[in-house]
N, C-alpha and C. Protein backbone atom coordinates (compact mmCIF):
# COMPACT_ATOMS: atom_id res chain seq x y z
N UNK A 1 31.94 8.10 52.56
CA UNK A 1 32.65 7.33 52.35
C UNK A 1 34.01 6.62 53.90
N UNK A 2 34.17 5.74 53.52
CA UNK A 2 34.64 5.06 54.56
C UNK A 2 36.10 5.18 54.14
N UNK A 3 37.14 4.94 55.50
CA UNK A 3 38.21 4.65 55.09
C UNK A 3 38.93 4.15 53.99
N UNK A 4 38.24 2.97 53.33
CA UNK A 4 38.66 1.65 52.78
C UNK A 4 38.52 2.07 51.52
N UNK A 5 37.60 2.68 51.10
CA UNK A 5 37.33 3.34 49.31
C UNK A 5 37.97 4.66 49.60
N UNK A 6 38.00 5.42 51.01
CA UNK A 6 38.94 5.92 50.07
C UNK A 6 40.78 6.00 50.20
N UNK A 7 40.72 4.59 50.84
CA UNK A 7 42.34 4.26 50.50
C UNK A 7 42.57 3.46 48.85
N UNK A 8 41.27 3.04 48.89
CA UNK A 8 41.11 2.34 47.55
C UNK A 8 41.33 3.39 46.07
N UNK A 9 40.40 4.48 46.28
CA UNK A 9 40.86 5.59 45.34
C UNK A 9 41.71 6.47 45.28
N UNK A 10 42.64 6.88 46.59
CA UNK A 10 43.82 6.85 46.44
C UNK A 10 45.42 6.68 46.09
N UNK A 11 44.65 4.84 46.07
CA UNK A 11 46.16 4.66 45.81
C UNK A 11 45.66 4.35 43.81
N UNK A 12 44.52 4.46 43.76
CA UNK A 12 44.59 4.26 42.43
C UNK A 12 44.87 6.09 41.79
N UNK A 13 44.51 7.32 42.04
CA UNK A 13 44.84 8.05 42.09
C UNK A 13 45.75 9.04 41.77
N UNK A 14 47.16 7.76 42.20
CA UNK A 14 48.69 7.98 42.94
C UNK A 14 48.80 7.13 41.19
N UNK A 15 48.54 6.08 41.41
CA UNK A 15 48.61 5.29 40.53
C UNK A 15 48.90 5.95 38.87
N UNK A 16 47.55 6.41 38.34
CA UNK A 16 47.66 6.85 37.16
C UNK A 16 48.33 8.52 37.14
N UNK A 17 48.39 9.18 38.41
CA UNK A 17 48.55 10.26 38.13
C UNK A 17 50.51 9.89 38.07
N UNK A 18 51.20 8.99 38.39
CA UNK A 18 52.42 8.81 37.96
C UNK A 18 52.48 8.26 36.28
N UNK A 19 51.51 7.31 36.29
CA UNK A 19 51.42 7.22 34.79
C UNK A 19 50.97 8.21 33.41
N UNK A 20 51.10 9.13 33.98
CA UNK A 20 50.46 9.88 33.10
C UNK A 20 51.73 11.22 33.02
N UNK A 21 52.46 11.09 33.95
CA UNK A 21 54.00 12.31 34.16
C UNK A 21 55.13 11.45 33.46
N UNK A 22 54.59 9.74 32.99
CA UNK A 22 55.57 9.17 32.94
C UNK A 22 55.34 9.43 30.97
N UNK A 23 53.92 9.01 30.58
CA UNK A 23 53.42 9.03 29.42
C UNK A 23 52.91 9.68 28.46
N UNK A 24 52.56 10.89 29.50
CA UNK A 24 51.70 12.58 29.67
C UNK A 24 50.09 12.02 28.84
N UNK A 25 49.93 10.66 28.71
CA UNK A 25 48.26 10.94 27.88
C UNK A 25 48.21 9.25 28.07
N UNK A 26 46.53 8.68 28.90
CA UNK A 26 47.14 7.25 29.37
C UNK A 26 45.50 6.86 28.45
N UNK A 27 45.21 5.44 28.81
CA UNK A 27 43.70 5.15 28.68
C UNK A 27 42.97 3.85 29.60
N UNK A 28 42.57 4.26 30.33
CA UNK A 28 41.98 3.36 32.04
C UNK A 28 40.91 2.43 31.22
N UNK A 29 40.93 1.24 31.63
CA UNK A 29 40.00 0.38 31.28
C UNK A 29 39.06 0.07 33.28
N UNK A 30 38.06 0.15 33.40
CA UNK A 30 37.30 -0.19 34.58
C UNK A 30 36.77 -1.37 33.86
N UNK A 31 36.65 -2.80 34.10
CA UNK A 31 35.52 -4.08 33.85
C UNK A 31 34.72 -4.32 34.92
N UNK A 32 34.44 -5.28 34.71
CA UNK A 32 34.05 -5.65 36.37
C UNK A 32 32.62 -6.21 36.17
N UNK A 33 31.61 -6.76 37.30
CA UNK A 33 30.68 -7.45 37.03
C UNK A 33 29.64 -6.06 37.45
N UNK A 34 28.55 -6.91 37.02
CA UNK A 34 27.35 -5.71 36.82
C UNK A 34 26.97 -5.30 37.87
N UNK A 35 26.52 -4.11 38.49
CA UNK A 35 26.04 -3.56 40.30
C UNK A 35 27.78 -3.74 41.24
N UNK A 36 28.92 -3.60 40.45
CA UNK A 36 29.80 -3.79 41.23
C UNK A 36 30.38 -2.20 41.56
N UNK A 37 29.56 -1.36 40.88
CA UNK A 37 29.99 0.04 40.82
C UNK A 37 31.08 0.77 39.80
N UNK A 38 31.31 -0.01 38.85
CA UNK A 38 31.56 0.45 37.37
C UNK A 38 31.20 1.73 37.08
N UNK A 39 30.37 2.09 36.85
CA UNK A 39 29.75 3.61 36.07
C UNK A 39 30.53 4.38 37.26
N UNK A 40 29.80 3.97 38.71
CA UNK A 40 29.91 4.89 39.43
C UNK A 40 31.80 5.79 40.06
N UNK A 41 32.69 4.45 39.77
CA UNK A 41 33.77 4.70 39.89
C UNK A 41 34.74 5.13 38.72
N UNK A 42 33.71 4.85 37.38
CA UNK A 42 34.19 5.93 35.76
C UNK A 42 34.51 7.08 36.51
N UNK A 43 32.82 7.38 36.71
CA UNK A 43 32.31 9.12 36.97
C UNK A 43 33.58 9.89 38.13
N UNK A 44 33.99 9.42 39.22
CA UNK A 44 34.74 9.30 40.48
C UNK A 44 36.01 10.01 39.73
N UNK A 45 36.46 8.78 39.25
CA UNK A 45 37.52 9.12 38.12
C UNK A 45 37.58 10.28 36.74
N UNK A 46 36.77 10.12 36.53
CA UNK A 46 36.13 11.32 35.21
C UNK A 46 36.64 12.58 36.17
N UNK A 47 36.04 12.60 37.06
CA UNK A 47 36.07 13.72 37.55
C UNK A 47 37.43 14.70 38.23
N UNK A 48 37.91 13.26 39.09
CA UNK A 48 39.33 13.40 39.53
C UNK A 48 40.39 13.48 38.67
N UNK A 49 40.58 13.09 37.49
CA UNK A 49 41.62 13.38 36.92
C UNK A 49 41.29 14.37 35.74
N UNK A 50 39.83 15.05 35.60
CA UNK A 50 39.47 15.80 34.45
C UNK A 50 39.57 15.20 33.36
N UNK A 51 39.09 13.70 32.70
CA UNK A 51 39.77 13.51 31.84
C UNK A 51 37.86 12.71 31.40
N UNK A 52 38.04 12.21 30.20
CA UNK A 52 37.60 11.80 28.78
C UNK A 52 36.85 10.00 29.76
N UNK A 53 35.31 9.92 29.99
CA UNK A 53 34.82 8.50 29.75
C UNK A 53 34.10 8.31 29.27
N UNK A 54 34.65 7.04 28.49
CA UNK A 54 33.92 6.22 27.48
C UNK A 54 32.78 4.76 27.63
N UNK A 55 31.47 4.36 27.86
CA UNK A 55 31.26 4.16 28.51
C UNK A 55 31.24 2.77 27.16
N UNK A 56 31.22 1.57 28.12
CA UNK A 56 30.81 0.39 27.03
C UNK A 56 29.58 0.05 26.94
N UNK A 57 28.86 0.71 27.31
CA UNK A 57 26.89 0.65 26.99
C UNK A 57 26.72 0.93 25.88
N UNK A 58 27.63 2.38 25.46
CA UNK A 58 27.69 2.95 23.89
C UNK A 58 27.81 1.96 23.09
N UNK A 59 27.98 0.74 23.32
CA UNK A 59 28.38 -0.75 22.30
C UNK A 59 27.78 -1.03 22.49
N UNK A 60 26.40 -0.91 22.45
CA UNK A 60 25.30 -2.61 22.64
C UNK A 60 25.28 -2.76 21.33
N UNK A 61 24.64 -4.18 21.31
CA UNK A 61 25.16 -5.17 20.00
C UNK A 61 23.43 -4.66 19.50
N UNK A 62 23.67 -4.02 17.49
CA UNK A 62 22.61 -3.37 17.17
C UNK A 62 21.67 -4.44 16.92
N UNK A 63 20.62 -4.41 16.90
CA UNK A 63 19.33 -6.06 16.69
C UNK A 63 20.08 -6.80 15.45
N UNK A 64 20.47 -6.04 13.95
CA UNK A 64 21.02 -7.17 13.21
C UNK A 64 22.24 -7.79 14.07
N UNK A 65 22.84 -7.46 15.19
CA UNK A 65 23.95 -8.37 15.27
C UNK A 65 23.99 -9.45 16.68
N UNK A 66 22.63 -9.22 17.23
CA UNK A 66 22.02 -9.97 18.05
C UNK A 66 21.87 -11.44 17.83
N UNK A 67 23.04 -11.98 17.72
CA UNK A 67 22.17 -13.20 16.57
C UNK A 67 22.67 -14.54 18.11
N UNK A 68 21.58 -15.73 17.68
CA UNK A 68 22.14 -16.78 18.79
C UNK A 68 23.72 -17.59 18.91
N UNK A 69 24.83 -17.11 17.68
CA UNK A 69 25.90 -17.78 17.64
C UNK A 69 26.93 -16.43 18.33
N UNK A 70 26.07 -15.30 17.91
CA UNK A 70 26.71 -14.37 18.78
C UNK A 70 27.13 -14.17 20.58
N UNK A 71 25.71 -14.35 20.54
CA UNK A 71 25.37 -14.34 21.91
C UNK A 71 26.01 -15.85 22.65
N UNK A 72 26.56 -17.27 21.70
CA UNK A 72 27.01 -18.24 22.38
C UNK A 72 28.51 -18.14 22.70
N UNK A 73 29.73 -17.11 22.04
CA UNK A 73 30.61 -16.73 21.91
C UNK A 73 30.86 -15.83 23.07
N UNK A 74 31.83 -16.29 24.24
CA UNK A 74 31.99 -15.38 25.33
C UNK A 74 32.73 -14.15 24.93
N UNK A 75 32.20 -13.22 25.09
CA UNK A 75 32.52 -11.38 25.08
C UNK A 75 32.17 -11.03 23.63
N UNK A 76 30.83 -11.27 23.00
CA UNK A 76 30.73 -11.47 21.91
C UNK A 76 29.83 -10.48 21.53
N UNK A 77 29.09 -10.10 22.76
CA UNK A 77 27.37 -9.07 23.18
C UNK A 77 27.65 -8.01 23.71
N UNK A 78 28.98 -6.81 22.53
CA UNK A 78 29.17 -5.60 22.36
C UNK A 78 30.45 -5.49 20.80
N UNK A 79 29.88 -4.65 20.55
CA UNK A 79 30.36 -3.86 19.17
C UNK A 79 31.88 -4.00 19.47
N UNK A 80 32.45 -4.78 19.52
CA UNK A 80 34.32 -4.66 19.83
C UNK A 80 34.48 -4.14 18.68
N UNK A 81 33.73 -4.26 17.33
CA UNK A 81 34.64 -4.50 15.86
C UNK A 81 34.66 -2.36 15.88
N UNK A 82 32.97 -1.97 16.24
CA UNK A 82 33.22 -0.77 16.26
C UNK A 82 34.18 0.26 17.31
N UNK A 83 33.88 -0.44 18.56
CA UNK A 83 34.53 0.04 19.99
C UNK A 83 35.68 0.33 18.94
N UNK A 84 36.78 -1.44 18.37
CA UNK A 84 38.14 -0.95 18.43
C UNK A 84 38.00 0.47 17.21
N UNK A 85 37.26 0.56 16.04
CA UNK A 85 37.33 1.09 14.69
C UNK A 85 37.08 3.29 15.44
N UNK A 86 36.26 2.71 15.91
CA UNK A 86 35.63 4.85 16.52
C UNK A 86 36.26 5.06 17.57
N UNK A 87 36.87 4.41 18.86
CA UNK A 87 37.69 4.76 20.19
C UNK A 87 38.79 4.19 20.08
N UNK A 88 39.24 2.72 20.44
CA UNK A 88 40.72 3.33 20.41
C UNK A 88 41.73 3.15 19.48
N UNK A 89 41.18 2.87 17.94
CA UNK A 89 42.27 3.75 16.65
C UNK A 89 42.34 4.99 16.88
N UNK A 90 41.41 5.87 16.92
CA UNK A 90 41.63 7.22 17.10
C UNK A 90 42.39 7.64 18.64
N UNK A 91 42.15 6.58 19.28
CA UNK A 91 43.25 7.21 21.14
C UNK A 91 44.63 7.22 20.62
N UNK A 92 44.59 6.72 20.04
CA UNK A 92 46.25 6.41 20.16
C UNK A 92 46.95 7.35 19.17
N UNK A 93 46.33 7.81 18.63
CA UNK A 93 46.41 9.24 17.66
C UNK A 93 46.32 10.29 18.66
N UNK A 94 46.09 10.58 19.85
CA UNK A 94 46.07 11.78 20.32
C UNK A 94 45.39 12.89 19.46
N UNK A 95 44.18 12.68 19.31
CA UNK A 95 43.82 13.76 18.47
C UNK A 95 42.43 13.88 19.07
N UNK A 96 41.01 14.87 18.92
CA UNK A 96 39.67 14.65 18.95
C UNK A 96 39.76 13.88 17.58
N UNK A 97 38.19 12.54 18.49
CA UNK A 97 38.02 12.69 17.26
C UNK A 97 36.34 12.14 17.81
N UNK A 98 35.40 11.32 17.16
CA UNK A 98 34.10 11.69 17.40
C UNK A 98 33.36 9.96 17.07
N UNK A 99 33.06 9.35 17.76
CA UNK A 99 32.01 8.12 18.04
C UNK A 99 31.06 8.47 17.90
N UNK A 100 29.98 6.89 17.56
CA UNK A 100 28.37 6.80 17.64
C UNK A 100 27.54 6.54 18.72
N UNK A 101 27.46 6.85 19.88
CA UNK A 101 26.71 5.79 21.00
C UNK A 101 25.38 5.23 20.54
N UNK A 102 25.40 4.29 20.95
CA UNK A 102 24.46 3.24 21.33
C UNK A 102 23.22 3.51 21.25
N UNK A 103 22.05 4.19 20.96
CA UNK A 103 20.84 4.49 21.88
C UNK A 103 19.40 3.79 21.49
N UNK A 104 19.64 3.51 22.82
CA UNK A 104 18.49 2.44 22.76
C UNK A 104 17.40 2.91 22.83
N UNK A 105 16.65 4.12 22.89
CA UNK A 105 15.03 4.37 22.25
C UNK A 105 15.05 4.39 21.04
N UNK A 106 16.49 4.36 20.16
CA UNK A 106 15.63 3.83 18.61
C UNK A 106 16.15 3.09 18.34
N UNK A 107 17.02 1.97 19.14
CA UNK A 107 18.08 1.04 18.88
C UNK A 107 19.08 0.82 17.89
N UNK A 108 19.52 1.57 17.65
CA UNK A 108 20.40 1.82 16.74
C UNK A 108 21.22 3.03 17.35
N UNK A 109 23.05 3.51 16.62
CA UNK A 109 23.39 4.53 16.86
C UNK A 109 22.96 6.07 16.46
N UNK A 110 23.36 6.30 17.57
CA UNK A 110 23.03 8.03 17.27
C UNK A 110 23.27 8.98 16.80
N UNK A 111 23.37 10.45 17.63
CA UNK A 111 24.68 11.09 16.43
C UNK A 111 26.11 11.09 17.79
N UNK A 112 26.71 11.58 16.55
CA UNK A 112 28.24 11.92 17.31
C UNK A 112 28.39 12.82 18.72
N UNK A 113 29.24 11.65 19.24
CA UNK A 113 29.65 12.71 20.37
C UNK A 113 31.58 13.39 20.39
N UNK A 114 31.90 13.81 20.60
CA UNK A 114 33.12 14.36 20.52
C UNK A 114 33.86 14.11 21.52
N UNK A 115 35.18 13.64 21.22
CA UNK A 115 35.97 13.16 22.50
C UNK A 115 37.88 14.27 22.43
N UNK A 116 37.26 15.02 22.65
CA UNK A 116 39.08 15.90 22.93
C UNK A 116 39.69 15.31 24.10
N UNK A 117 41.33 15.21 22.78
CA UNK A 117 42.36 15.12 23.71
C UNK A 117 42.44 15.48 25.14
N UNK A 118 42.79 14.28 26.21
CA UNK A 118 43.11 15.22 27.67
C UNK A 118 43.75 14.03 28.01
N UNK A 119 44.56 13.78 28.59
CA UNK A 119 45.79 13.25 29.61
C UNK A 119 44.92 11.99 29.70
N UNK A 120 43.74 11.88 30.82
CA UNK A 120 43.26 10.28 30.95
C UNK A 120 41.84 10.33 30.44
N UNK A 121 41.61 9.16 29.35
CA UNK A 121 40.64 8.91 29.20
C UNK A 121 40.03 7.70 29.79
N UNK A 122 38.70 7.36 30.36
CA UNK A 122 38.38 6.02 30.71
C UNK A 122 37.66 5.25 29.97
N UNK A 123 37.47 4.42 30.13
CA UNK A 123 36.33 3.02 29.09
C UNK A 123 36.16 2.00 30.16
N UNK A 124 35.00 2.44 30.83
CA UNK A 124 34.07 2.05 31.55
C UNK A 124 33.40 0.83 31.19
N UNK A 125 32.85 -0.24 31.70
CA UNK A 125 32.11 -1.01 31.60
C UNK A 125 32.22 -2.63 31.27
N UNK A 126 30.81 -3.92 31.32
CA UNK A 126 31.94 -4.52 31.35
C UNK A 126 31.88 -4.92 29.55
N UNK A 127 32.87 -5.53 29.43
CA UNK A 127 33.64 -6.30 28.05
C UNK A 127 35.09 -5.45 27.70
N UNK A 128 34.92 -4.23 28.42
CA UNK A 128 35.98 -2.80 29.15
C UNK A 128 37.45 -3.80 28.15
N UNK A 129 37.98 -5.22 29.08
CA UNK A 129 38.88 -5.92 29.09
C UNK A 129 38.98 -7.05 28.24
N UNK A 130 38.73 -7.09 26.80
CA UNK A 130 38.87 -7.86 25.66
C UNK A 130 39.98 -8.16 25.41
N UNK A 131 40.48 -9.28 24.92
CA UNK A 131 41.93 -9.12 24.81
C UNK A 131 42.82 -8.33 24.16
N UNK A 132 41.65 -8.39 23.02
CA UNK A 132 42.38 -6.83 21.16
C UNK A 132 42.54 -6.17 21.99
N UNK A 133 41.67 -5.84 23.24
CA UNK A 133 41.49 -3.91 23.61
C UNK A 133 42.67 -3.99 24.25
N UNK A 134 43.11 -4.81 25.06
CA UNK A 134 44.08 -4.94 26.59
C UNK A 134 45.44 -4.05 26.26
N UNK A 135 46.05 -4.06 24.96
CA UNK A 135 47.34 -3.76 24.53
C UNK A 135 47.19 -1.55 24.47
N UNK A 136 46.16 -1.35 24.13
CA UNK A 136 45.90 0.08 24.38
C UNK A 136 45.46 0.60 25.42
N UNK A 137 45.53 0.24 26.80
CA UNK A 137 45.10 0.17 28.03
C UNK A 137 46.52 0.59 28.41
N UNK A 138 46.67 1.48 29.82
CA UNK A 138 47.49 2.04 30.43
C UNK A 138 47.58 1.34 31.67
N UNK A 139 46.66 1.15 31.63
CA UNK A 139 46.36 1.10 33.56
C UNK A 139 45.08 0.40 33.77
N UNK A 140 44.71 -0.95 33.77
CA UNK A 140 43.80 -1.63 33.84
C UNK A 140 43.41 -2.49 35.72
N UNK A 141 41.40 -2.01 36.12
CA UNK A 141 40.54 -2.28 37.02
C UNK A 141 40.12 -3.36 36.93
N UNK A 142 39.52 -4.49 37.83
CA UNK A 142 38.53 -4.77 37.35
C UNK A 142 37.77 -5.01 39.07
N UNK A 143 36.45 -4.75 38.66
CA UNK A 143 35.47 -4.47 40.72
C UNK A 143 34.82 -5.93 40.16
N UNK A 144 34.54 -6.33 41.23
CA UNK A 144 33.76 -7.37 41.60
C UNK A 144 32.49 -6.63 42.75
N UNK A 145 32.25 -8.09 42.69
CA UNK A 145 30.80 -7.97 44.20
C UNK A 145 30.26 -9.29 44.06
N UNK A 146 30.16 -9.63 45.84
CA UNK A 146 29.18 -11.11 45.85
C UNK A 146 27.84 -11.11 45.06
N UNK A 147 28.02 -12.31 45.01
CA UNK A 147 26.68 -12.82 44.16
C UNK A 147 25.51 -12.09 44.40
N UNK A 148 25.39 -12.43 46.36
CA UNK A 148 24.20 -12.13 47.01
C UNK A 148 23.88 -10.00 47.02
N UNK A 149 24.93 -9.51 47.29
CA UNK A 149 25.09 -7.89 46.88
C UNK A 149 24.17 -7.85 45.48
N UNK A 150 25.44 -8.24 44.78
CA UNK A 150 24.64 -8.02 43.38
C UNK A 150 23.54 -7.99 43.18
N UNK A 151 22.66 -9.37 43.61
CA UNK A 151 21.69 -9.48 43.48
C UNK A 151 20.75 -8.12 43.81
N UNK A 152 21.24 -7.75 45.58
CA UNK A 152 20.48 -6.93 45.68
C UNK A 152 20.60 -5.56 45.49
N UNK A 153 21.63 -5.17 44.85
CA UNK A 153 22.23 -3.84 43.91
C UNK A 153 21.31 -3.66 42.67
N UNK A 154 20.99 -5.30 42.21
CA UNK A 154 20.30 -4.64 41.19
C UNK A 154 18.83 -5.20 41.34
N UNK A 155 18.13 -5.86 42.31
CA UNK A 155 16.63 -5.19 42.65
C UNK A 155 16.10 -4.12 43.15
N UNK A 156 17.68 -3.18 43.33
CA UNK A 156 16.64 -1.57 43.96
C UNK A 156 16.87 -0.83 42.75
N UNK A 157 18.05 -1.19 42.18
CA UNK A 157 17.72 -0.19 41.05
C UNK A 157 16.94 -0.51 39.76
N UNK A 158 16.60 -1.75 39.03
CA UNK A 158 16.64 -1.94 38.15
C UNK A 158 15.59 -3.82 38.45
N UNK A 159 14.02 -3.23 39.12
CA UNK A 159 13.49 -5.02 39.41
C UNK A 159 12.64 -5.07 38.48
N UNK A 160 12.85 -4.57 37.67
CA UNK A 160 11.61 -5.06 36.20
C UNK A 160 12.52 -6.21 35.59
N UNK A 161 14.10 -6.24 35.62
CA UNK A 161 15.00 -6.39 34.90
C UNK A 161 15.81 -7.86 35.35
N UNK A 162 15.70 -8.32 37.01
CA UNK A 162 16.38 -8.69 37.55
C UNK A 162 16.62 -10.09 36.80
N UNK A 163 14.71 -10.78 36.70
CA UNK A 163 15.21 -11.55 35.70
C UNK A 163 16.23 -11.98 34.89
N UNK A 164 15.75 -11.07 33.68
CA UNK A 164 16.45 -10.60 32.62
C UNK A 164 18.35 -10.87 33.43
N UNK A 165 18.88 -9.73 34.01
CA UNK A 165 20.18 -10.25 34.60
C UNK A 165 20.85 -11.71 35.68
N UNK A 166 19.60 -12.27 35.95
CA UNK A 166 19.52 -13.88 36.69
C UNK A 166 19.96 -14.16 35.48
N UNK A 167 19.34 -14.80 34.13
CA UNK A 167 18.83 -15.40 33.19
C UNK A 167 19.91 -15.49 32.35
N UNK A 168 20.63 -14.11 31.63
CA UNK A 168 20.52 -13.99 30.47
C UNK A 168 21.95 -12.79 31.26
N UNK A 169 22.12 -11.78 31.46
CA UNK A 169 23.38 -10.93 31.43
C UNK A 169 24.58 -11.58 32.10
N UNK A 170 23.91 -11.72 33.84
CA UNK A 170 24.86 -12.09 34.80
C UNK A 170 26.18 -13.36 34.15
N UNK A 171 25.27 -14.61 33.38
CA UNK A 171 25.67 -16.18 32.89
C UNK A 171 26.83 -15.34 31.41
N UNK A 172 26.30 -15.01 30.85
CA UNK A 172 26.95 -14.07 29.67
C UNK A 172 28.52 -13.15 30.66
N UNK A 173 28.26 -12.33 31.04
CA UNK A 173 29.32 -12.34 31.62
C UNK A 173 31.06 -12.89 32.70
N UNK A 174 29.78 -13.68 33.31
CA UNK A 174 30.30 -14.26 34.07
C UNK A 174 31.61 -15.70 32.47
N UNK A 175 31.01 -16.09 31.84
CA UNK A 175 31.66 -16.76 31.03
C UNK A 175 32.96 -15.89 30.69
N UNK A 176 32.72 -15.35 29.89
CA UNK A 176 33.62 -13.62 29.20
C UNK A 176 34.28 -13.96 30.94
N UNK A 177 33.95 -13.34 31.81
CA UNK A 177 35.02 -13.88 32.82
C UNK A 177 36.06 -14.79 33.02
N UNK A 178 35.11 -15.90 32.74
CA UNK A 178 35.93 -16.94 33.48
C UNK A 178 36.66 -17.63 31.95
N UNK A 179 36.16 -17.66 30.96
CA UNK A 179 37.32 -17.87 29.75
C UNK A 179 38.30 -17.00 29.09
N UNK A 180 38.38 -16.03 29.71
CA UNK A 180 39.60 -14.66 29.14
C UNK A 180 39.98 -14.22 31.00
N UNK A 181 39.78 -14.88 31.30
CA UNK A 181 40.59 -15.01 33.18
C UNK A 181 40.93 -13.31 33.67
N UNK A 182 39.66 -12.34 33.07
CA UNK A 182 39.80 -10.47 32.81
C UNK A 182 40.54 -10.46 34.26
N UNK A 183 40.03 -10.78 35.76
CA UNK A 183 40.53 -9.83 36.40
C UNK A 183 42.06 -10.22 36.49
N UNK A 184 42.76 -11.62 36.37
CA UNK A 184 44.26 -11.74 36.50
C UNK A 184 45.32 -10.84 35.79
N UNK A 185 44.56 -10.54 34.39
CA UNK A 185 44.91 -9.22 33.59
C UNK A 185 45.18 -7.60 34.04
N UNK A 186 44.76 -7.52 35.42
CA UNK A 186 44.44 -6.32 35.13
C UNK A 186 45.39 -5.65 37.25
N UNK A 187 45.28 -5.08 36.85
CA UNK A 187 46.64 -3.95 38.35
C UNK A 187 46.14 -3.67 38.94
N UNK A 188 44.14 -3.76 39.34
CA UNK A 188 44.09 -3.99 40.67
C UNK A 188 42.28 -4.70 40.88
N UNK A 189 42.09 -5.19 41.43
CA UNK A 189 41.09 -5.92 41.98
C UNK A 189 40.54 -5.35 42.62
N UNK A 190 38.74 -4.85 42.97
CA UNK A 190 38.64 -3.90 43.65
C UNK A 190 37.24 -4.67 44.30
N UNK A 191 36.84 -5.26 45.15
CA UNK A 191 35.82 -5.49 45.73
C UNK A 191 34.76 -4.91 46.33
N UNK A 192 33.67 -4.75 45.61
CA UNK A 192 32.84 -3.10 46.35
C UNK A 192 31.94 -4.16 47.23
N UNK A 193 31.43 -5.27 47.62
CA UNK A 193 31.10 -5.90 48.52
C UNK A 193 30.43 -4.80 49.80
N UNK A 194 31.72 -4.85 50.58
CA UNK A 194 31.18 -4.06 51.52
C UNK A 194 31.69 -3.10 51.83
N UNK A 195 31.77 -1.71 50.59
CA UNK A 195 31.94 -0.39 50.49
C UNK A 195 31.11 0.96 50.54
N UNK A 196 29.91 -0.02 49.70
CA UNK A 196 28.75 0.90 49.79
C UNK A 196 27.60 0.09 49.63
């Protein structure tokens, strides 16, 4: 881990610890470009704060929701309706709750996952910062990466899906980021191009 990465992580930790001290419990969101390190950063933050981690990947659209109209609308390729009902509303109550993650093997929601009330809950993934979600968050992180580095990372981790990302998933994300100026609404922007 380089000095810059250590400094960024320390800055995030100090801020989150201060918010926990002030509010008791908080919800942090990590949004940003694919291959920018959101999952890795979310997992690190979960360990560092002994918190919950809820991936937006658990809210992939079910087959019947995957319509042309929905995909054509910025930010609509996530099951935001279910995320609000199953995660954000219950989180407000500061009680244990359960949600059903999407299971790619059955292309439907799977068995329920229990979430215990902890001081920190992290929501991680693309589309985590939709406008209607933002009031539920106490701290917002945007992660970015240079397009060239992004494609290198995608090629390394999932070579079979490079074309899908290039032609479909990255354009969807960019449309969402641009339409809603997502990075502008965040507390911190982390550029991971030279971090790893």
